[in-house]
Amino acid sequence: MQKKKSLRGRVDGAPNPIDVHVGNRVRMRRTLLGMSQEKLGEELGLTFQQVQKYERGMNRIGASRLWDISQVLNTPIEFFYEGINDDIEQLSPRHINRSDNIEGLEETIVSLDGDPMNRRETLELVRAYYRIPDRNMAKKIFELIKSLASPMEEIGEEKIEKPAKS
């Protein structure tokens, strides 16, 4: 059986999970700063479409470009690699090119995309929370959200019924 070749870390045309992770971290930081893709692109001398490709992991971010992104987003380069787990690390080009075991690549990419921490809604919520000037009020809102979420954790979302219309 012939070993599947990997082209620049891609397998069967899918982006590498590490590139997807780094792109998600770029999107997270950009969104937390309230910066648009257009503004980031302008600062980097790129189109917003190129920024989109980076954020989705479709295009790899080179070392010099990642340096520029870290400078514009005012964060250390290490930020973009935080949270890479063993499953993702095993799908790095170094491992893929030496191993026939590439199963799980698509599932890993899907799980990265489905992570609620990578959703725009989550990032906007966090950003809005930290903009609340009254920190005592912010803490009360935080406790309220936690108390509302507790029943969902205990009984599971599938068991929650919609309230009856009054």
C-alpha atoms as a PDB file:
ATOM      1  CA  MET A   1       0.000   0.000   0.000  1.00  0.00           C
ATOM      2  CA  GLN A   2       1.379   3.380  -1.001  1.00  0.00           C
ATOM      3  CA  LYS A   3       1.782   5.982   1.713  1.00  0.00           C
ATOM      4  CA  LYS A   4      -0.327   9.110   1.240  1.00  0.00           C
ATOM      5  CA  LYS A   5       1.835  12.114   0.547  1.00  0.00           C
ATOM      6  CA  SER A   6       1.339  15.306   2.460  1.00  0.00           C
ATOM      7  CA  LEU A   7       1.765  18.622   0.699  1.00  0.00           C
ATOM      8  CA  ARG A   8       2.936  21.309   3.138  1.00  0.00           C
ATOM      9  CA  GLY A   9       1.139  19.609   5.997  1.00  0.00           C
ATOM     10  CA  ARG A  10      -2.130  19.102   4.118  1.00  0.00           C
ATOM     11  CA  VAL A  11      -3.739  15.726   3.822  1.00  0.00           C
ATOM     12  CA  ASP A  12      -6.220  15.092   1.028  1.00  0.00           C
ATOM     13  CA  GLY A  13      -6.471  18.864   0.570  1.00  0.00           C
ATOM     14  CA  ALA A  14      -7.594  19.584   4.160  1.00  0.00           C
ATOM     15  CA  PRO A  15      -5.717  22.233   6.148  1.00  0.00           C
ATOM     16  CA  ASN A  16      -3.460  21.015   8.913  1.00  0.00           C
ATOM     17  CA  PRO A  17      -5.064  21.264  12.391  1.00  0.00           C
ATOM     18  CA  ILE A  18      -2.105  23.295  13.674  1.00  0.00           C
ATOM     19  CA  ASP A  19      -2.687  25.890  10.942  1.00  0.00           C
ATOM     20  CA  VAL A  20      -6.395  25.892  11.845  1.00  0.00           C
ATOM     21  CA  HIS A  21      -5.542  26.337  15.549  1.00  0.00           C
ATOM     22  CA  VAL A  22      -3.160  29.247  14.865  1.00  0.00           C
ATOM     23  CA  GLY A  23      -5.765  30.853  12.593  1.00  0.00           C
ATOM     24  CA  ASN A  24      -8.439  30.480  15.280  1.00  0.00           C
ATOM     25  CA  ARG A  25      -6.130  32.173  17.776  1.00  0.00           C
ATOM     26  CA  VAL A  26      -5.532  35.051  15.333  1.00  0.00           C
ATOM     27  CA  ARG A  27      -9.319  35.451  14.957  1.00  0.00           C
ATOM     28  CA  MET A  28      -9.798  35.250  18.736  1.00  0.00           C
ATOM     29  CA  ARG A  29      -7.239  37.952  19.473  1.00  0.00           C
ATOM     30  CA  ARG A  30      -8.447  40.196  16.641  1.00  0.00           C
ATOM     31  CA  THR A  31     -12.060  39.893  17.803  1.00  0.00           C
ATOM     32  CA  LEU A  32     -11.166  40.521  21.455  1.00  0.00           C
ATOM     33  CA  LEU A  33      -9.465  43.735  20.338  1.00  0.00           C
ATOM     34  CA  GLY A  34     -12.550  44.722  18.346  1.00  0.00           C
ATOM     35  CA  MET A  35     -10.555  44.810  15.125  1.00  0.00           C
ATOM     36  CA  SER A  36     -12.133  43.912  11.787  1.00  0.00           C
ATOM     37  CA  GLN A  37     -10.535  41.636   9.221  1.00  0.00           C
ATOM     38  CA  GLU A  38     -10.318  44.668   6.962  1.00  0.00           C
ATOM     39  CA  LYS A  39      -8.383  46.663   9.570  1.00  0.00           C
ATOM     40  CA  LEU A  40      -5.979  43.789  10.292  1.00  0.00           C
ATOM     41  CA  GLY A  41      -5.442  43.322   6.563  1.00  0.00           C
ATOM     42  CA  GLU A  42      -4.798  47.041   6.124  1.00  0.00           C
ATOM     43  CA  GLU A  43      -2.216  47.006   8.937  1.00  0.00           C
ATOM     44  CA  LEU A  44      -0.491  44.005   7.336  1.00  0.00           C
ATOM     45  CA  GLY A  45      -0.773  45.171   3.727  1.00  0.00           C
ATOM     46  CA  LEU A  46      -3.182  42.333   2.888  1.00  0.00           C
ATOM     47  CA  THR A  47      -6.760  41.975   1.699  1.00  0.00           C
ATOM     48  CA  PHE A  48      -9.414  40.917   4.174  1.00  0.00           C
ATOM     49  CA  GLN A  49      -9.836  37.769   2.060  1.00  0.00           C
ATOM     50  CA  GLN A  50      -6.235  36.799   2.836  1.00  0.00           C
ATOM     51  CA  VAL A  51      -6.876  37.409   6.542  1.00  0.00           C
ATOM     52  CA  GLN A  52      -9.933  35.114   6.249  1.00  0.00           C
ATOM     53  CA  LYS A  53      -7.801  32.386   4.677  1.00  0.00           C
ATOM     54  CA  TYR A  54      -5.255  32.691   7.496  1.00  0.00           C
ATOM     55  CA  GLU A  55      -7.962  32.583  10.155  1.00  0.00           C
ATOM     56  CA  ARG A  56      -9.529  29.446   8.654  1.00  0.00           C
ATOM     57  CA  GLY A  57      -6.167  27.731   8.295  1.00  0.00           C
ATOM     58  CA  MET A  58      -6.627  27.490   4.534  1.00  0.00           C
ATOM     59  CA  ASN A  59      -3.359  29.378   4.010  1.00  0.00           C
ATOM     60  CA  ARG A  60      -0.415  28.826   6.298  1.00  0.00           C
ATOM     61  CA  ILE A  61       1.031  31.817   8.089  1.00  0.00           C
ATOM     62  CA  GLY A  62       4.756  32.193   7.493  1.00  0.00           C
ATOM     63  CA  ALA A  63       7.160  33.118  10.288  1.00  0.00           C
ATOM     64  CA  SER A  64       7.618  36.742   9.219  1.00  0.00           C
ATOM     65  CA  ARG A  65       3.875  37.222   8.729  1.00  0.00           C
ATOM     66  CA  LEU A  66       3.133  35.695  12.153  1.00  0.00           C
ATOM     67  CA  TRP A  67       5.643  38.129  13.643  1.00  0.00           C
ATOM     68  CA  ASP A  68       3.816  41.033  11.976  1.00  0.00           C
ATOM     69  CA  ILE A  69       0.449  39.729  13.158  1.00  0.00           C
ATOM     70  CA  SER A  70       1.741  39.432  16.729  1.00  0.00           C
ATOM     71  CA  GLN A  71       2.961  43.033  16.576  1.00  0.00           C
ATOM     72  CA  VAL A  72      -0.311  44.398  15.178  1.00  0.00           C
ATOM     73  CA  LEU A  73      -2.376  42.386  17.678  1.00  0.00           C
ATOM     74  CA  ASN A  74       0.017  43.290  20.510  1.00  0.00           C
ATOM     75  CA  THR A  75       0.528  39.740  21.718  1.00  0.00           C
ATOM     76  CA  PRO A  76       3.495  37.360  21.927  1.00  0.00           C
ATOM     77  CA  ILE A  77       3.871  34.735  19.204  1.00  0.00           C
ATOM     78  CA  GLU A  78       3.452  32.008  21.834  1.00  0.00           C
ATOM     79  CA  PHE A  79      -0.190  33.094  22.201  1.00  0.00           C
ATOM     80  CA  PHE A  80      -1.013  31.591  18.816  1.00  0.00           C
ATOM     81  CA  TYR A  81       0.239  28.141  19.861  1.00  0.00           C
ATOM     82  CA  GLU A  82      -1.345  28.007  23.323  1.00  0.00           C
ATOM     83  CA  GLY A  83      -3.809  25.179  23.756  1.00  0.00           C
ATOM     84  CA  ILE A  84      -2.428  22.791  21.141  1.00  0.00           C
ATOM     85  CA  ASN A  85      -3.196  19.380  22.598  1.00  0.00           C
ATOM     86  CA  ASP A  86      -1.525  16.028  21.926  1.00  0.00           C
ATOM     87  CA  ASP A  87      -4.090  15.034  19.271  1.00  0.00           C
ATOM     88  CA  ILE A  88      -3.390  18.169  17.255  1.00  0.00           C
ATOM     89  CA  GLU A  89       0.359  17.908  17.788  1.00  0.00           C
ATOM     90  CA  GLN A  90       0.358  14.362  16.393  1.00  0.00           C
ATOM     91  CA  LEU A  91      -1.063  15.746  13.140  1.00  0.00           C
ATOM     92  CA  SER A  92       1.811  18.164  12.574  1.00  0.00           C
ATOM     93  CA  PRO A  93       3.549  17.830   9.196  1.00  0.00           C
ATOM     94  CA  ARG A  94       6.540  16.266  10.960  1.00  0.00           C
ATOM     95  CA  HIS A  95       4.394  13.362  12.164  1.00  0.00           C
ATOM     96  CA  ILE A  96       2.142  13.097   9.119  1.00  0.00           C
ATOM     97  CA  ASN A  97       5.076  12.836   6.727  1.00  0.00           C
ATOM     98  CA  ARG A  98       6.590   9.977   8.747  1.00  0.00           C
ATOM     99  CA  SER A  99       3.417   8.086   9.544  1.00  0.00           C
ATOM    100  CA  ASP A 100       0.629   6.315   7.719  1.00  0.00           C
ATOM    101  CA  ASN A 101      -1.669   7.212  10.612  1.00  0.00           C
ATOM    102  CA  ILE A 102      -3.548  10.273   9.391  1.00  0.00           C
ATOM    103  CA  GLU A 103      -6.964   9.156  10.557  1.00  0.00           C
ATOM    104  CA  GLY A 104      -8.734  11.742  12.608  1.00  0.00           C
ATOM    105  CA  LEU A 105      -7.490  14.763  10.658  1.00  0.00           C
ATOM    106  CA  GLU A 106     -10.940  15.796   9.447  1.00  0.00           C
ATOM    107  CA  GLU A 107     -12.525  15.091  12.854  1.00  0.00           C
ATOM    108  CA  THR A 108      -9.867  17.204  14.573  1.00  0.00           C
ATOM    109  CA  ILE A 109     -10.503  20.112  12.201  1.00  0.00           C
ATOM    110  CA  VAL A 110     -14.265  19.839  12.753  1.00  0.00           C
ATOM    111  CA  SER A 111     -13.776  19.752  16.538  1.00  0.00           C
ATOM    112  CA  LEU A 112     -11.653  22.906  16.351  1.00  0.00           C
ATOM    113  CA  ASP A 113     -14.376  24.657  14.356  1.00  0.00           C
ATOM    114  CA  GLY A 114     -17.070  23.442  16.764  1.00  0.00           C
ATOM    115  CA  ASP A 115     -15.248  24.645  19.889  1.00  0.00           C
ATOM    116  CA  PRO A 116     -17.444  27.307  21.534  1.00  0.00           C
ATOM    117  CA  MET A 117     -14.292  29.213  22.520  1.00  0.00           C
ATOM    118  CA  ASN A 118     -13.665  29.854  18.830  1.00  0.00           C
ATOM    119  CA  ARG A 119     -17.137  31.269  18.156  1.00  0.00           C
ATOM    120  CA  ARG A 120     -17.563  34.971  17.482  1.00  0.00           C
ATOM    121  CA  GLU A 121     -20.455  35.122  19.969  1.00  0.00           C
ATOM    122  CA  THR A 122     -18.187  33.906  22.783  1.00  0.00           C
ATOM    123  CA  LEU A 123     -15.457  36.382  21.946  1.00  0.00           C
ATOM    124  CA  GLU A 124     -17.893  39.291  21.740  1.00  0.00           C
ATOM    125  CA  LEU A 125     -19.430  38.286  25.074  1.00  0.00           C
ATOM    126  CA  VAL A 126     -16.019  38.241  26.759  1.00  0.00           C
ATOM    127  CA  ARG A 127     -15.066  41.540  25.175  1.00  0.00           C
ATOM    128  CA  ALA A 128     -18.341  43.182  26.296  1.00  0.00           C
ATOM    129  CA  TYR A 129     -17.944  41.767  29.809  1.00  0.00           C
ATOM    130  CA  TYR A 130     -14.535  43.384  30.239  1.00  0.00           C
ATOM    131  CA  ARG A 131     -15.861  46.719  28.974  1.00  0.00           C
ATOM    132  CA  ILE A 132     -18.382  46.950  31.841  1.00  0.00           C
ATOM    133  CA  PRO A 133     -17.021  49.877  33.865  1.00  0.00           C
ATOM    134  CA  ASP A 134     -18.637  48.858  37.170  1.00  0.00           C
ATOM    135  CA  ARG A 135     -16.629  45.763  38.133  1.00  0.00           C
ATOM    136  CA  ASN A 136     -19.030  44.885  40.971  1.00  0.00           C
ATOM    137  CA  MET A 137     -21.886  44.832  38.467  1.00  0.00           C
ATOM    138  CA  ALA A 138     -19.750  42.741  36.103  1.00  0.00           C
ATOM    139  CA  LYS A 139     -19.204  40.166  38.857  1.00  0.00           C
ATOM    140  CA  LYS A 140     -22.954  40.030  39.537  1.00  0.00           C
ATOM    141  CA  ILE A 141     -23.648  39.481  35.833  1.00  0.00           C
ATOM    142  CA  PHE A 142     -21.013  36.750  35.785  1.00  0.00           C
ATOM    143  CA  GLU A 143     -22.678  34.997  38.748  1.00  0.00           C
ATOM    144  CA  LEU A 144     -26.088  35.350  37.090  1.00  0.00           C
ATOM    145  CA  ILE A 145     -24.833  33.715  33.898  1.00  0.00           C
ATOM    146  CA  LYS A 146     -23.241  30.892  35.880  1.00  0.00           C
ATOM    147  CA  SER A 147     -26.465  30.311  37.821  1.00  0.00           C
ATOM    148  CA  LEU A 148     -28.508  30.214  34.609  1.00  0.00           C
ATOM    149  CA  ALA A 149     -26.081  27.721  33.048  1.00  0.00           C
ATOM    150  CA  SER A 150     -26.013  25.328  36.006  1.00  0.00           C
ATOM    151  CA  PRO A 151     -29.338  23.583  35.264  1.00  0.00           C
ATOM    152  CA  MET A 152     -28.129  22.872  31.710  1.00  0.00           C
ATOM    153  CA  GLU A 153     -24.999  21.177  33.030  1.00  0.00           C
ATOM    154  CA  GLU A 154     -26.957  19.069  35.504  1.00  0.00           C
ATOM    155  CA  ILE A 155     -29.735  17.789  33.261  1.00  0.00           C
ATOM    156  CA  GLY A 156     -28.170  18.138  29.832  1.00  0.00           C
ATOM    157  CA  GLU A 157     -29.344  20.349  27.008  1.00  0.00           C
ATOM    158  CA  GLU A 158     -31.441  17.636  25.352  1.00  0.00           C
ATOM    159  CA  LYS A 159     -33.759  17.520  28.383  1.00  0.00           C
ATOM    160  CA  ILE A 160     -34.426  21.244  28.553  1.00  0.00           C
ATOM    161  CA  GLU A 161     -37.905  22.087  27.377  1.00  0.00           C
ATOM    162  CA  LYS A 162     -38.854  25.354  25.787  1.00  0.00           C
ATOM    163  CA  PRO A 163     -41.100  27.497  27.980  1.00  0.00           C
ATOM    164  CA  ALA A 164     -44.792  27.443  27.118  1.00  0.00           C
ATOM    165  CA  LYS A 165     -46.166  30.528  25.379  1.00  0.00           C
ATOM    166  CA  SER A 166     -48.314  32.642  27.658  1.00  0.00           C
END
